[in-house]
């Protein structure tokens, strides 16, 4: 059974920092591309950051220079370090695991709430 369990969300003031974690089980973690997505109320889910199995990263323009995605294959965990948080970052953040080689697989976590407010 595949599980992606996010943690680390919460309430933070503008300018603050949070680190999200996503622990994966039931998959051969090291061969999966991992990503963080977010969905704000009334909006579509959007990509925040991705990291390939080889460690290549990609970021949404809105978070470049503020967020950093990383992975620890020994711990089957992907992280999202979020600095200089803004109210516009408020959303539910979802972890994604994607196997890009056949057979393709795509898994999602349950989400963790991040609220940026004074």
PDB file of N, CA and C in Angstrom:
ATOM      1  N   UNK A   1       0.848  -1.188   0.000  1.00  0.00           N
ATOM      2  CA  UNK A   1       0.000   0.000   0.000  1.00  0.00           C
ATOM      3  C   UNK A   1       0.890   1.247   0.000  1.00  0.00           C
ATOM      4  N   UNK A   2       0.618   2.129  -0.926  1.00  0.00           N
ATOM      5  CA  UNK A   2       1.409   3.342  -1.045  1.00  0.00           C
ATOM      6  C   UNK A   2       0.858   4.423  -0.119  1.00  0.00           C
ATOM      7  N   UNK A   3       1.752   5.057   0.625  1.00  0.00           N
ATOM      8  CA  UNK A   3       1.354   6.173   1.477  1.00  0.00           C
ATOM      9  C   UNK A   3       2.346   7.318   1.325  1.00  0.00           C
ATOM     10  N   UNK A   4       1.811   8.517   1.213  1.00  0.00           N
ATOM     11  CA  UNK A   4       2.598   9.743   1.271  1.00  0.00           C
ATOM     12  C   UNK A   4       2.016  10.564   2.405  1.00  0.00           C
ATOM     13  N   UNK A   5       2.819  10.803   3.425  1.00  0.00           N
ATOM     14  CA  UNK A   5       2.325  11.478   4.623  1.00  0.00           C
ATOM     15  C   UNK A   5       3.063  12.798   4.793  1.00  0.00           C
ATOM     16  N   UNK A   6       2.318  13.899   4.623  1.00  0.00           N
ATOM     17  CA  UNK A   6       2.910  15.233   4.776  1.00  0.00           C
ATOM     18  C   UNK A   6       2.853  15.680   6.228  1.00  0.00           C
ATOM     19  N   UNK A   7       3.792  16.505   6.609  1.00  0.00           N
ATOM     20  CA  UNK A   7       3.801  17.113   7.928  1.00  0.00           C
ATOM     21  C   UNK A   7       4.545  18.436   7.857  1.00  0.00           C
ATOM     22  N   UNK A   8       4.372  19.244   8.905  1.00  0.00           N
ATOM     23  CA  UNK A   8       5.121  20.490   8.982  1.00  0.00           C
ATOM     24  C   UNK A   8       4.328  21.742   8.682  1.00  0.00           C
ATOM     25  N   UNK A   9       3.083  21.594   8.283  1.00  0.00           N
ATOM     26  CA  UNK A   9       2.274  22.770   8.014  1.00  0.00           C
ATOM     27  C   UNK A   9       1.871  23.480   9.297  1.00  0.00           C
ATOM     28  N   UNK A  10       1.258  24.649   9.136  1.00  0.00           N
ATOM     29  CA  UNK A  10       0.812  25.389  10.297  1.00  0.00           C
ATOM     30  C   UNK A  10       0.575  26.842   9.982  1.00  0.00           C
ATOM     31  N   UNK A  11       0.461  27.633  11.031  1.00  0.00           N
ATOM     32  CA  UNK A  11       0.241  29.072  10.925  1.00  0.00           C
ATOM     33  C   UNK A  11       1.561  29.795  11.161  1.00  0.00           C
ATOM     34  N   UNK A  12       1.891  30.711  10.244  1.00  0.00           N
ATOM     35  CA  UNK A  12       3.141  31.448  10.359  1.00  0.00           C
ATOM     36  C   UNK A  12       2.887  32.889   9.934  1.00  0.00           C
ATOM     37  N   UNK A  13       3.637  33.804  10.499  1.00  0.00           N
ATOM     38  CA  UNK A  13       3.502  35.219  10.138  1.00  0.00           C
ATOM     39  C   UNK A  13       4.220  35.506   8.817  1.00  0.00           C
ATOM     40  N   UNK A  14       3.804  36.521   8.114  1.00  0.00           N
ATOM     41  CA  UNK A  14       4.523  36.904   6.896  1.00  0.00           C
ATOM     42  C   UNK A  14       6.004  37.120   7.180  1.00  0.00           C
ATOM     43  N   UNK A  15       6.835  36.626   6.264  1.00  0.00           N
ATOM     44  CA  UNK A  15       8.268  36.693   6.456  1.00  0.00           C
ATOM     45  C   UNK A  15       8.851  35.501   7.187  1.00  0.00           C
ATOM     46  N   UNK A  16       7.990  34.667   7.729  1.00  0.00           N
ATOM     47  CA  UNK A  16       8.455  33.505   8.477  1.00  0.00           C
ATOM     48  C   UNK A  16       8.813  32.329   7.585  1.00  0.00           C
ATOM     49  N   UNK A  17       9.181  31.227   8.230  1.00  0.00           N
ATOM     50  CA  UNK A  17       9.624  30.026   7.515  1.00  0.00           C
ATOM     51  C   UNK A  17       8.911  28.791   8.048  1.00  0.00           C
ATOM     52  N   UNK A  18       8.772  27.823   7.170  1.00  0.00           N
ATOM     53  CA  UNK A  18       8.274  26.494   7.531  1.00  0.00           C
ATOM     54  C   UNK A  18       9.027  25.471   6.698  1.00  0.00           C
ATOM     55  N   UNK A  19       9.136  24.264   7.221  1.00  0.00           N
ATOM     56  CA  UNK A  19       9.682  23.167   6.431  1.00  0.00           C
ATOM     57  C   UNK A  19       8.659  22.036   6.400  1.00  0.00           C
ATOM     58  N   UNK A  20       8.217  21.714   5.211  1.00  0.00           N
ATOM     59  CA  UNK A  20       7.305  20.593   5.028  1.00  0.00           C
ATOM     60  C   UNK A  20       8.102  19.320   4.760  1.00  0.00           C
ATOM     61  N   UNK A  21       7.573  18.216   5.254  1.00  0.00           N
ATOM     62  CA  UNK A  21       8.159  16.902   4.994  1.00  0.00           C
ATOM     63  C   UNK A  21       7.096  15.988   4.412  1.00  0.00           C
ATOM     64  N   UNK A  22       7.528  15.075   3.571  1.00  0.00           N
ATOM     65  CA  UNK A  22       6.633  14.060   3.012  1.00  0.00           C
ATOM     66  C   UNK A  22       7.354  12.723   3.081  1.00  0.00           C
ATOM     67  N   UNK A  23       6.854  11.857   3.935  1.00  0.00           N
ATOM     68  CA  UNK A  23       7.434  10.524   4.097  1.00  0.00           C
ATOM     69  C   UNK A  23       6.669   9.538   3.232  1.00  0.00           C
ATOM     70  N   UNK A  24       7.398   8.820   2.389  1.00  0.00           N
ATOM     71  CA  UNK A  24       6.778   7.872   1.467  1.00  0.00           C
ATOM     72  C   UNK A  24       7.020   6.440   1.925  1.00  0.00           C
ATOM     73  N   UNK A  25       6.030   5.601   1.678  1.00  0.00           N
ATOM     74  CA  UNK A  25       6.176   4.169   1.931  1.00  0.00           C
ATOM     75  C   UNK A  25       5.419   3.416   0.853  1.00  0.00           C
ATOM     76  N   UNK A  26       5.858   2.190   0.603  1.00  0.00           N
ATOM     77  CA  UNK A  26       5.196   1.352  -0.387  1.00  0.00           C
ATOM     78  C   UNK A  26       5.647   1.578  -1.813  1.00  0.00           C
ATOM     79  N   UNK A  27       6.648   2.426  -2.007  1.00  0.00           N
ATOM     80  CA  UNK A  27       7.202   2.659  -3.348  1.00  0.00           C
ATOM     81  C   UNK A  27       8.726   2.575  -3.285  1.00  0.00           C
ATOM     82  N   UNK A  28       9.322   2.327  -4.448  1.00  0.00           N
ATOM     83  CA  UNK A  28      10.776   2.352  -4.567  1.00  0.00           C
ATOM     84  C   UNK A  28      11.160   3.816  -4.750  1.00  0.00           C
ATOM     85  N   UNK A  29      11.282   4.506  -3.629  1.00  0.00           N
ATOM     86  CA  UNK A  29      11.324   5.964  -3.581  1.00  0.00           C
ATOM     87  C   UNK A  29      12.363   6.562  -4.523  1.00  0.00           C
ATOM     88  N   UNK A  30      13.526   5.972  -4.585  1.00  0.00           N
ATOM     89  CA  UNK A  30      14.640   6.611  -5.281  1.00  0.00           C
ATOM     90  C   UNK A  30      14.414   6.753  -6.786  1.00  0.00           C
ATOM     91  N   UNK A  31      13.479   6.006  -7.360  1.00  0.00           N
ATOM     92  CA  UNK A  31      13.272   6.104  -8.796  1.00  0.00           C
ATOM     93  C   UNK A  31      12.105   7.033  -9.154  1.00  0.00           C
ATOM     94  N   UNK A  32      11.474   7.601  -8.121  1.00  0.00           N
ATOM     95  CA  UNK A  32      10.334   8.477  -8.350  1.00  0.00           C
ATOM     96  C   UNK A  32      10.752   9.940  -8.391  1.00  0.00           C
ATOM     97  N   UNK A  33      10.143  10.692  -9.295  1.00  0.00           N
ATOM     98  CA  UNK A  33      10.195  12.139  -9.222  1.00  0.00           C
ATOM     99  C   UNK A  33       9.204  12.578  -8.154  1.00  0.00           C
ATOM    100  N   UNK A  34       9.625  13.520  -7.320  1.00  0.00           N
ATOM    101  CA  UNK A  34       8.780  13.971  -6.224  1.00  0.00           C
ATOM    102  C   UNK A  34       8.433  15.447  -6.421  1.00  0.00           C
ATOM    103  N   UNK A  35       7.275  15.813  -5.940  1.00  0.00           N
ATOM    104  CA  UNK A  35       6.879  17.197  -6.118  1.00  0.00           C
ATOM    105  C   UNK A  35       5.987  17.694  -4.998  1.00  0.00           C
ATOM    106  N   UNK A  36       5.921  19.009  -4.912  1.00  0.00           N
ATOM    107  CA  UNK A  36       4.982  19.687  -4.018  1.00  0.00           C
ATOM    108  C   UNK A  36       4.061  20.541  -4.876  1.00  0.00           C
ATOM    109  N   UNK A  37       2.778  20.433  -4.585  1.00  0.00           N
ATOM    110  CA  UNK A  37       1.759  21.234  -5.239  1.00  0.00           C
ATOM    111  C   UNK A  37       0.946  21.913  -4.146  1.00  0.00           C
ATOM    112  N   UNK A  38       0.202  22.927  -4.524  1.00  0.00           N
ATOM    113  CA  UNK A  38      -0.639  23.596  -3.536  1.00  0.00           C
ATOM    114  C   UNK A  38      -1.964  24.011  -4.161  1.00  0.00           C
ATOM    115  N   UNK A  39      -2.959  24.121  -3.300  1.00  0.00           N
ATOM    116  CA  UNK A  39      -4.281  24.540  -3.747  1.00  0.00           C
ATOM    117  C   UNK A  39      -4.866  25.507  -2.738  1.00  0.00           C
ATOM    118  N   UNK A  40      -5.098  26.716  -3.186  1.00  0.00           N
ATOM    119  CA  UNK A  40      -5.727  27.726  -2.350  1.00  0.00           C
ATOM    120  C   UNK A  40      -7.246  27.669  -2.554  1.00  0.00           C
ATOM    121  N   UNK A  41      -8.013  28.168  -1.593  1.00  0.00           N
ATOM    122  CA  UNK A  41      -9.483  28.131  -1.727  1.00  0.00           C
ATOM    123  C   UNK A  41      -9.944  28.808  -3.016  1.00  0.00           C
ATOM    124  N   UNK A  42     -10.784  28.116  -3.762  1.00  0.00           N
ATOM    125  CA  UNK A  42     -11.327  28.674  -4.991  1.00  0.00           C
ATOM    126  C   UNK A  42     -10.390  28.667  -6.172  1.00  0.00           C
ATOM    127  N   UNK A  43      -9.211  28.063  -6.008  1.00  0.00           N
ATOM    128  CA  UNK A  43      -8.230  28.032  -7.096  1.00  0.00           C
ATOM    129  C   UNK A  43      -7.886  26.602  -7.462  1.00  0.00           C
ATOM    130  N   UNK A  44      -7.291  26.443  -8.638  1.00  0.00           N
ATOM    131  CA  UNK A  44      -6.846  25.125  -9.065  1.00  0.00           C
ATOM    132  C   UNK A  44      -5.543  24.761  -8.376  1.00  0.00           C
ATOM    133  N   UNK A  45      -5.300  23.458  -8.298  1.00  0.00           N
ATOM    134  CA  UNK A  45      -4.028  22.997  -7.756  1.00  0.00           C
ATOM    135  C   UNK A  45      -2.913  23.420  -8.700  1.00  0.00           C
ATOM    136  N   UNK A  46      -1.808  23.895  -8.131  1.00  0.00           N
ATOM    137  CA  UNK A  46      -0.695  24.362  -8.950  1.00  0.00           C
ATOM    138  C   UNK A  46       0.617  23.775  -8.460  1.00  0.00           C
ATOM    139  N   UNK A  47       1.545  23.656  -9.399  1.00  0.00           N
ATOM    140  CA  UNK A  47       2.867  23.143  -9.077  1.00  0.00           C
ATOM    141  C   UNK A  47       3.637  24.164  -8.261  1.00  0.00           C
ATOM    142  N   UNK A  48       4.326  23.684  -7.237  1.00  0.00           N
ATOM    143  CA  UNK A  48       5.211  24.537  -6.444  1.00  0.00           C
ATOM    144  C   UNK A  48       6.669  24.221  -6.799  1.00  0.00           C
ATOM    145  N   UNK A  49       7.027  22.943  -6.682  1.00  0.00           N
ATOM    146  CA  UNK A  49       8.404  22.536  -6.943  1.00  0.00           C
ATOM    147  C   UNK A  49       8.450  21.045  -7.204  1.00  0.00           C
ATOM    148  N   UNK A  50       9.404  20.633  -8.030  1.00  0.00           N
ATOM    149  CA  UNK A  50       9.624  19.220  -8.279  1.00  0.00           C
ATOM    150  C   UNK A  50      11.107  18.904  -8.206  1.00  0.00           C
ATOM    151  N   UNK A  51      11.398  17.637  -7.945  1.00  0.00           N
ATOM    152  CA  UNK A  51      12.784  17.165  -7.929  1.00  0.00           C
ATOM    153  C   UNK A  51      12.804  15.779  -8.554  1.00  0.00           C
ATOM    154  N   UNK A  52      13.681  15.588  -9.514  1.00  0.00           N
ATOM    155  CA  UNK A  52      13.751  14.294 -10.190  1.00  0.00           C
ATOM    156  C   UNK A  52      14.525  13.293  -9.353  1.00  0.00           C
ATOM    157  N   UNK A  53      14.521  12.052  -9.817  1.00  0.00           N
ATOM    158  CA  UNK A  53      15.286  11.028  -9.113  1.00  0.00           C
ATOM    159  C   UNK A  53      16.775  11.358  -9.132  1.00  0.00           C
ATOM    160  N   UNK A  54      17.196  12.122 -10.109  1.00  0.00           N
ATOM    161  CA  UNK A  54      18.606  12.512 -10.198  1.00  0.00           C
ATOM    162  C   UNK A  54      18.936  13.789  -9.471  1.00  0.00           C
ATOM    163  N   UNK A  55      17.912  14.423  -8.870  1.00  0.00           N
ATOM    164  CA  UNK A  55      18.154  15.615  -8.070  1.00  0.00           C
ATOM    165  C   UNK A  55      17.952  16.932  -8.802  1.00  0.00           C
ATOM    166  N   UNK A  56      17.497  16.889 -10.051  1.00  0.00           N
ATOM    167  CA  UNK A  56      17.211  18.133 -10.761  1.00  0.00           C
ATOM    168  C   UNK A  56      15.926  18.754 -10.237  1.00  0.00           C
ATOM    169  N   UNK A  57      15.946  20.057 -10.039  1.00  0.00           N
ATOM    170  CA  UNK A  57      14.811  20.745  -9.435  1.00  0.00           C
ATOM    171  C   UNK A  57      14.159  21.735 -10.393  1.00  0.00           C
ATOM    172  N   UNK A  58      12.892  21.999 -10.120  1.00  0.00           N
ATOM    173  CA  UNK A  58      12.132  22.961 -10.906  1.00  0.00           C
ATOM    174  C   UNK A  58      11.183  23.678  -9.960  1.00  0.00           C
ATOM    175  N   UNK A  59      11.012  24.996 -10.152  1.00  0.00           N
ATOM    176  CA  UNK A  59      10.183  25.781  -9.246  1.00  0.00           C
ATOM    177  C   UNK A  59       9.200  26.659 -10.014  1.00  0.00           C
ATOM    178  N   UNK A  60       8.063  26.886  -9.394  1.00  0.00           N
ATOM    179  CA  UNK A  60       7.158  27.899  -9.911  1.00  0.00           C
ATOM    180  C   UNK A  60       7.822  29.267  -9.758  1.00  0.00           C
ATOM    181  N   UNK A  61       7.559  30.154 -10.703  1.00  0.00           N
ATOM    182  CA  UNK A  61       8.180  31.478 -10.649  1.00  0.00           C
ATOM    183  C   UNK A  61       7.867  32.199  -9.336  1.00  0.00           C
ATOM    184  N   UNK A  62       6.691  31.963  -8.802  1.00  0.00           N
ATOM    185  CA  UNK A  62       6.248  32.677  -7.604  1.00  0.00           C
ATOM    186  C   UNK A  62       7.022  32.293  -6.349  1.00  0.00           C
ATOM    187  N   UNK A  63       7.746  31.176  -6.390  1.00  0.00           N
ATOM    188  CA  UNK A  63       8.462  30.727  -5.187  1.00  0.00           C
ATOM    189  C   UNK A  63       9.969  30.681  -5.384  1.00  0.00           C
ATOM    190  N   UNK A  64      10.438  30.945  -6.591  1.00  0.00           N
ATOM    191  CA  UNK A  64      11.882  30.901  -6.854  1.00  0.00           C
ATOM    192  C   UNK A  64      12.614  31.861  -5.932  1.00  0.00           C
ATOM    193  N   UNK A  65      13.692  31.358  -5.355  1.00  0.00           N
ATOM    194  CA  UNK A  65      14.490  32.176  -4.445  1.00  0.00           C
ATOM    195  C   UNK A  65      14.000  32.160  -3.011  1.00  0.00           C
ATOM    196  N   UNK A  66      12.808  31.610  -2.787  1.00  0.00           N
ATOM    197  CA  UNK A  66      12.259  31.549  -1.420  1.00  0.00           C
ATOM    198  C   UNK A  66      12.079  30.111  -0.934  1.00  0.00           C
ATOM    199  N   UNK A  67      11.736  29.211  -1.837  1.00  0.00           N
ATOM    200  CA  UNK A  67      11.485  27.817  -1.470  1.00  0.00           C
ATOM    201  C   UNK A  67      12.609  26.929  -2.020  1.00  0.00           C
ATOM    202  N   UNK A  68      12.900  25.859  -1.287  1.00  0.00           N
ATOM    203  CA  UNK A  68      13.884  24.880  -1.729  1.00  0.00           C
ATOM    204  C   UNK A  68      13.341  23.483  -1.520  1.00  0.00           C
ATOM    205  N   UNK A  69      13.346  22.694  -2.584  1.00  0.00           N
ATOM    206  CA  UNK A  69      12.935  21.297  -2.489  1.00  0.00           C
ATOM    207  C   UNK A  69      14.187  20.435  -2.403  1.00  0.00           C
ATOM    208  N   UNK A  70      14.110  19.391  -1.577  1.00  0.00           N
ATOM    209  CA  UNK A  70      15.225  18.456  -1.453  1.00  0.00           C
ATOM    210  C   UNK A  70      14.673  17.084  -1.132  1.00  0.00           C
ATOM    211  N   UNK A  71      15.509  16.088  -1.270  1.00  0.00           N
ATOM    212  CA  UNK A  71      15.080  14.718  -0.990  1.00  0.00           C
ATOM    213  C   UNK A  71      16.187  13.969  -0.271  1.00  0.00           C
ATOM    214  N   UNK A  72      15.777  13.008   0.558  1.00  0.00           N
ATOM    215  CA  UNK A  72      16.690  12.118   1.237  1.00  0.00           C
ATOM    216  C   UNK A  72      16.224  10.706   0.909  1.00  0.00           C
ATOM    217  N   UNK A  73      16.874  10.077  -0.058  1.00  0.00           N
ATOM    218  CA  UNK A  73      16.444   8.752  -0.495  1.00  0.00           C
ATOM    219  C   UNK A  73      16.631   7.696   0.594  1.00  0.00           C
ATOM    220  N   UNK A  74      17.568   7.911   1.490  1.00  0.00           N
ATOM    221  CA  UNK A  74      17.778   6.956   2.582  1.00  0.00           C
ATOM    222  C   UNK A  74      16.601   6.965   3.558  1.00  0.00           C
ATOM    223  N   UNK A  75      15.910   8.110   3.618  1.00  0.00           N
ATOM    224  CA  UNK A  75      14.765   8.228   4.534  1.00  0.00           C
ATOM    225  C   UNK A  75      13.429   8.214   3.791  1.00  0.00           C
ATOM    226  N   UNK A  76      13.464   8.025   2.478  1.00  0.00           N
ATOM    227  CA  UNK A  76      12.231   8.032   1.674  1.00  0.00           C
ATOM    228  C   UNK A  76      11.409   9.291   1.936  1.00  0.00           C
ATOM    229  N   UNK A  77      12.090  10.414   1.994  1.00  0.00           N
ATOM    230  CA  UNK A  77      11.436  11.658   2.384  1.00  0.00           C
ATOM    231  C   UNK A  77      11.834  12.794   1.445  1.00  0.00           C
ATOM    232  N   UNK A  78      10.849  13.622   1.128  1.00  0.00           N
ATOM    233  CA  UNK A  78      11.096  14.840   0.371  1.00  0.00           C
ATOM    234  C   UNK A  78      10.706  16.022   1.246  1.00  0.00           C
ATOM    235  N   UNK A  79      11.439  17.107   1.108  1.00  0.00           N
ATOM    236  CA  UNK A  79      11.239  18.284   1.944  1.00  0.00           C
ATOM    237  C   UNK A  79      10.933  19.508   1.080  1.00  0.00           C
ATOM    238  N   UNK A  80      10.275  20.461   1.693  1.00  0.00           N
ATOM    239  CA  UNK A  80      10.100  21.768   1.072  1.00  0.00           C
ATOM    240  C   UNK A  80      10.399  22.816   2.136  1.00  0.00           C
ATOM    241  N   UNK A  81      11.544  23.462   2.000  1.00  0.00           N
ATOM    242  CA  UNK A  81      11.898  24.559   2.897  1.00  0.00           C
ATOM    243  C   UNK A  81      11.301  25.833   2.325  1.00  0.00           C
ATOM    244  N   UNK A  82      10.472  26.497   3.104  1.00  0.00           N
ATOM    245  CA  UNK A  82       9.779  27.700   2.655  1.00  0.00           C
ATOM    246  C   UNK A  82      10.210  28.881   3.509  1.00  0.00           C
ATOM    247  N   UNK A  83      10.837  29.852   2.893  1.00  0.00           N
ATOM    248  CA  UNK A  83      11.305  31.058   3.580  1.00  0.00           C
ATOM    249  C   UNK A  83      10.582  32.284   3.043  1.00  0.00           C
ATOM    250  N   UNK A  84      10.631  33.343   3.826  1.00  0.00           N
ATOM    251  CA  UNK A  84      10.002  34.606   3.423  1.00  0.00           C
ATOM    252  C   UNK A  84       8.565  34.373   2.950  1.00  0.00           C
ATOM    253  N   UNK A  85       7.818  33.694   3.768  1.00  0.00           N
ATOM    254  CA  UNK A  85       6.454  33.340   3.383  1.00  0.00           C
ATOM    255  C   UNK A  85       5.568  34.580   3.279  1.00  0.00           C
ATOM    256  N   UNK A  86       4.636  34.509   2.322  1.00  0.00           N
ATOM    257  CA  UNK A  86       3.724  35.613   2.047  1.00  0.00           C
ATOM    258  C   UNK A  86       2.281  35.116   2.195  1.00  0.00           C
ATOM    259  N   UNK A  87       1.346  36.026   2.441  1.00  0.00           N
ATOM    260  CA  UNK A  87      -0.051  35.592   2.548  1.00  0.00           C
ATOM    261  C   UNK A  87      -0.517  34.820   1.313  1.00  0.00           C
ATOM    262  N   UNK A  88       0.012  35.143   0.154  1.00  0.00           N
ATOM    263  CA  UNK A  88      -0.343  34.442  -1.073  1.00  0.00           C
ATOM    264  C   UNK A  88       0.121  33.005  -1.107  1.00  0.00           C
ATOM    265  N   UNK A  89       0.972  32.600  -0.162  1.00  0.00           N
ATOM    266  CA  UNK A  89       1.411  31.207  -0.082  1.00  0.00           C
ATOM    267  C   UNK A  89       0.422  30.344   0.696  1.00  0.00           C
ATOM    268  N   UNK A  90      -0.587  30.962   1.268  1.00  0.00           N
ATOM    269  CA  UNK A  90      -1.581  30.209   2.025  1.00  0.00           C
ATOM    270  C   UNK A  90      -2.311  29.232   1.133  1.00  0.00           C
ATOM    271  N   UNK A  91      -2.284  27.967   1.507  1.00  0.00           N
ATOM    272  CA  UNK A  91      -2.892  26.906   0.695  1.00  0.00           C
ATOM    273  C   UNK A  91      -2.737  25.576   1.415  1.00  0.00           C
ATOM    274  N   UNK A  92      -3.406  24.571   0.871  1.00  0.00           N
ATOM    275  CA  UNK A  92      -3.115  23.196   1.264  1.00  0.00           C
ATOM    276  C   UNK A  92      -2.000  22.698   0.353  1.00  0.00           C
ATOM    277  N   UNK A  93      -0.948  22.179   0.941  1.00  0.00           N
ATOM    278  CA  UNK A  93       0.214  21.709   0.195  1.00  0.00           C
ATOM    279  C   UNK A  93       0.167  20.181   0.106  1.00  0.00           C
ATOM    280  N   UNK A  94       0.324  19.690  -1.125  1.00  0.00           N
ATOM    281  CA  UNK A  94       0.231  18.261  -1.387  1.00  0.00           C
ATOM    282  C   UNK A  94       1.560  17.727  -1.911  1.00  0.00           C
ATOM    283  N   UNK A  95       1.910  16.551  -1.430  1.00  0.00           N
ATOM    284  CA  UNK A  95       3.085  15.834  -1.905  1.00  0.00           C
ATOM    285  C   UNK A  95       2.664  14.919  -3.054  1.00  0.00           C
ATOM    286  N   UNK A  96       3.523  14.820  -4.064  1.00  0.00           N
ATOM    287  CA  UNK A  96       3.254  13.960  -5.218  1.00  0.00           C
ATOM    288  C   UNK A  96       4.461  13.099  -5.524  1.00  0.00           C
ATOM    289  N   UNK A  97       4.196  11.847  -5.864  1.00  0.00           N
ATOM    290  CA  UNK A  97       5.237  10.928  -6.311  1.00  0.00           C
ATOM    291  C   UNK A  97       4.873  10.441  -7.707  1.00  0.00           C
ATOM    292  N   UNK A  98       5.788  10.589  -8.628  1.00  0.00           N
ATOM    293  CA  UNK A  98       5.493  10.253 -10.021  1.00  0.00           C
ATOM    294  C   UNK A  98       6.581   9.365 -10.603  1.00  0.00           C
ATOM    295  N   UNK A  99       6.159   8.219 -11.126  1.00  0.00           N
ATOM    296  CA  UNK A  99       7.099   7.336 -11.833  1.00  0.00           C
ATOM    297  C   UNK A  99       6.932   7.605 -13.311  1.00  0.00           C
ATOM    298  N   UNK A 100       7.956   8.169 -13.916  1.00  0.00           N
ATOM    299  CA  UNK A 100       7.831   8.639 -15.292  1.00  0.00           C
ATOM    300  C   UNK A 100       8.136   7.557 -16.319  1.00  0.00           C
ATOM    301  N   UNK A 101       8.787   6.471 -15.893  1.00  0.00           N
ATOM    302  CA  UNK A 101       9.056   5.375 -16.823  1.00  0.00           C
ATOM    303  C   UNK A 101       7.929   4.362 -16.713  1.00  0.00           C
ATOM    304  N   UNK A 102       7.628   3.640 -17.795  1.00  0.00           N
ATOM    305  CA  UNK A 102       6.537   2.659 -17.751  1.00  0.00           C
ATOM    306  C   UNK A 102       6.852   1.521 -16.785  1.00  0.00           C
ATOM    307  N   UNK A 103       5.879   1.003 -16.062  1.00  0.00           N
ATOM    308  CA  UNK A 103       4.503   1.490 -15.991  1.00  0.00           C
ATOM    309  C   UNK A 103       4.418   2.780 -15.172  1.00  0.00           C
ATOM    310  N   UNK A 104       3.712   3.756 -15.688  1.00  0.00           N
ATOM    311  CA  UNK A 104       3.610   5.045 -15.030  1.00  0.00           C
ATOM    312  C   UNK A 104       2.788   4.929 -13.750  1.00  0.00           C
ATOM    313  N   UNK A 105       3.181   5.687 -12.754  1.00  0.00           N
ATOM    314  CA  UNK A 105       2.460   5.730 -11.494  1.00  0.00           C
ATOM    315  C   UNK A 105       2.426   7.173 -11.004  1.00  0.00           C
ATOM    316  N   UNK A 106       1.343   7.489 -10.276  1.00  0.00           N
ATOM    317  CA  UNK A 106       1.151   8.864  -9.803  1.00  0.00           C
ATOM    318  C   UNK A 106       0.402   8.789  -8.479  1.00  0.00           C
ATOM    319  N   UNK A 107       1.035   9.228  -7.414  1.00  0.00           N
ATOM    320  CA  UNK A 107       0.446   9.137  -6.076  1.00  0.00           C
ATOM    321  C   UNK A 107       0.438  10.509  -5.409  1.00  0.00           C
ATOM    322  N   UNK A 108      -0.573  10.692  -4.528  1.00  0.00           N
ATOM    323  CA  UNK A 108      -0.743  11.961  -3.813  1.00  0.00           C
ATOM    324  C   UNK A 108      -0.888  11.731  -2.325  1.00  0.00           C
ATOM    325  N   UNK A 109      -0.383  12.684  -1.554  1.00  0.00           N
ATOM    326  CA  UNK A 109      -0.624  12.688  -0.126  1.00  0.00           C
ATOM    327  C   UNK A 109      -1.952  13.353   0.190  1.00  0.00           C
ATOM    328  N   UNK A 110      -2.260  13.424   1.483  1.00  0.00           N
ATOM    329  CA  UNK A 110      -3.552  13.952   1.905  1.00  0.00           C
ATOM    330  C   UNK A 110      -3.540  15.477   2.049  1.00  0.00           C
ATOM    331  N   UNK A 111      -2.375  16.061   2.063  1.00  0.00           N
ATOM    332  CA  UNK A 111      -2.246  17.514   2.143  1.00  0.00           C
ATOM    333  C   UNK A 111      -2.000  18.017   3.552  1.00  0.00           C
ATOM    334  N   UNK A 112      -1.336  19.155   3.632  1.00  0.00           N
ATOM    335  CA  UNK A 112      -1.097  19.819   4.911  1.00  0.00           C
ATOM    336  C   UNK A 112      -1.345  21.318   4.721  1.00  0.00           C
ATOM    337  N   UNK A 113      -2.033  21.903   5.684  1.00  0.00           N
ATOM    338  CA  UNK A 113      -2.431  23.304   5.560  1.00  0.00           C
ATOM    339  C   UNK A 113      -1.289  24.221   5.964  1.00  0.00           C
ATOM    340  N   UNK A 114      -1.038  25.213   5.121  1.00  0.00           N
ATOM    341  CA  UNK A 114      -0.097  26.285   5.434  1.00  0.00           C
ATOM    342  C   UNK A 114      -0.874  27.600   5.388  1.00  0.00           C
ATOM    343  N   UNK A 115      -0.849  28.323   6.490  1.00  0.00           N
ATOM    344  CA  UNK A 115      -1.538  29.606   6.573  1.00  0.00           C
ATOM    345  C   UNK A 115      -0.531  30.682   6.948  1.00  0.00           C
ATOM    346  N   UNK A 116      -0.447  31.706   6.125  1.00  0.00           N
ATOM    347  CA  UNK A 116       0.462  32.821   6.369  1.00  0.00           C
ATOM    348  C   UNK A 116      -0.380  34.052   6.676  1.00  0.00           C
ATOM    349  N   UNK A 117      -0.324  34.465   7.923  1.00  0.00           N
ATOM    350  CA  UNK A 117      -1.183  35.568   8.356  1.00  0.00           C
ATOM    351  C   UNK A 117      -0.606  36.228   9.591  1.00  0.00           C
ATOM    352  N   UNK A 118      -0.832  37.527   9.701  1.00  0.00           N
ATOM    353  CA  UNK A 118      -0.403  38.244  10.905  1.00  0.00           C
ATOM    354  C   UNK A 118      -1.553  38.301  11.914  1.00  0.00           C
TER     355      UNK A 118
END
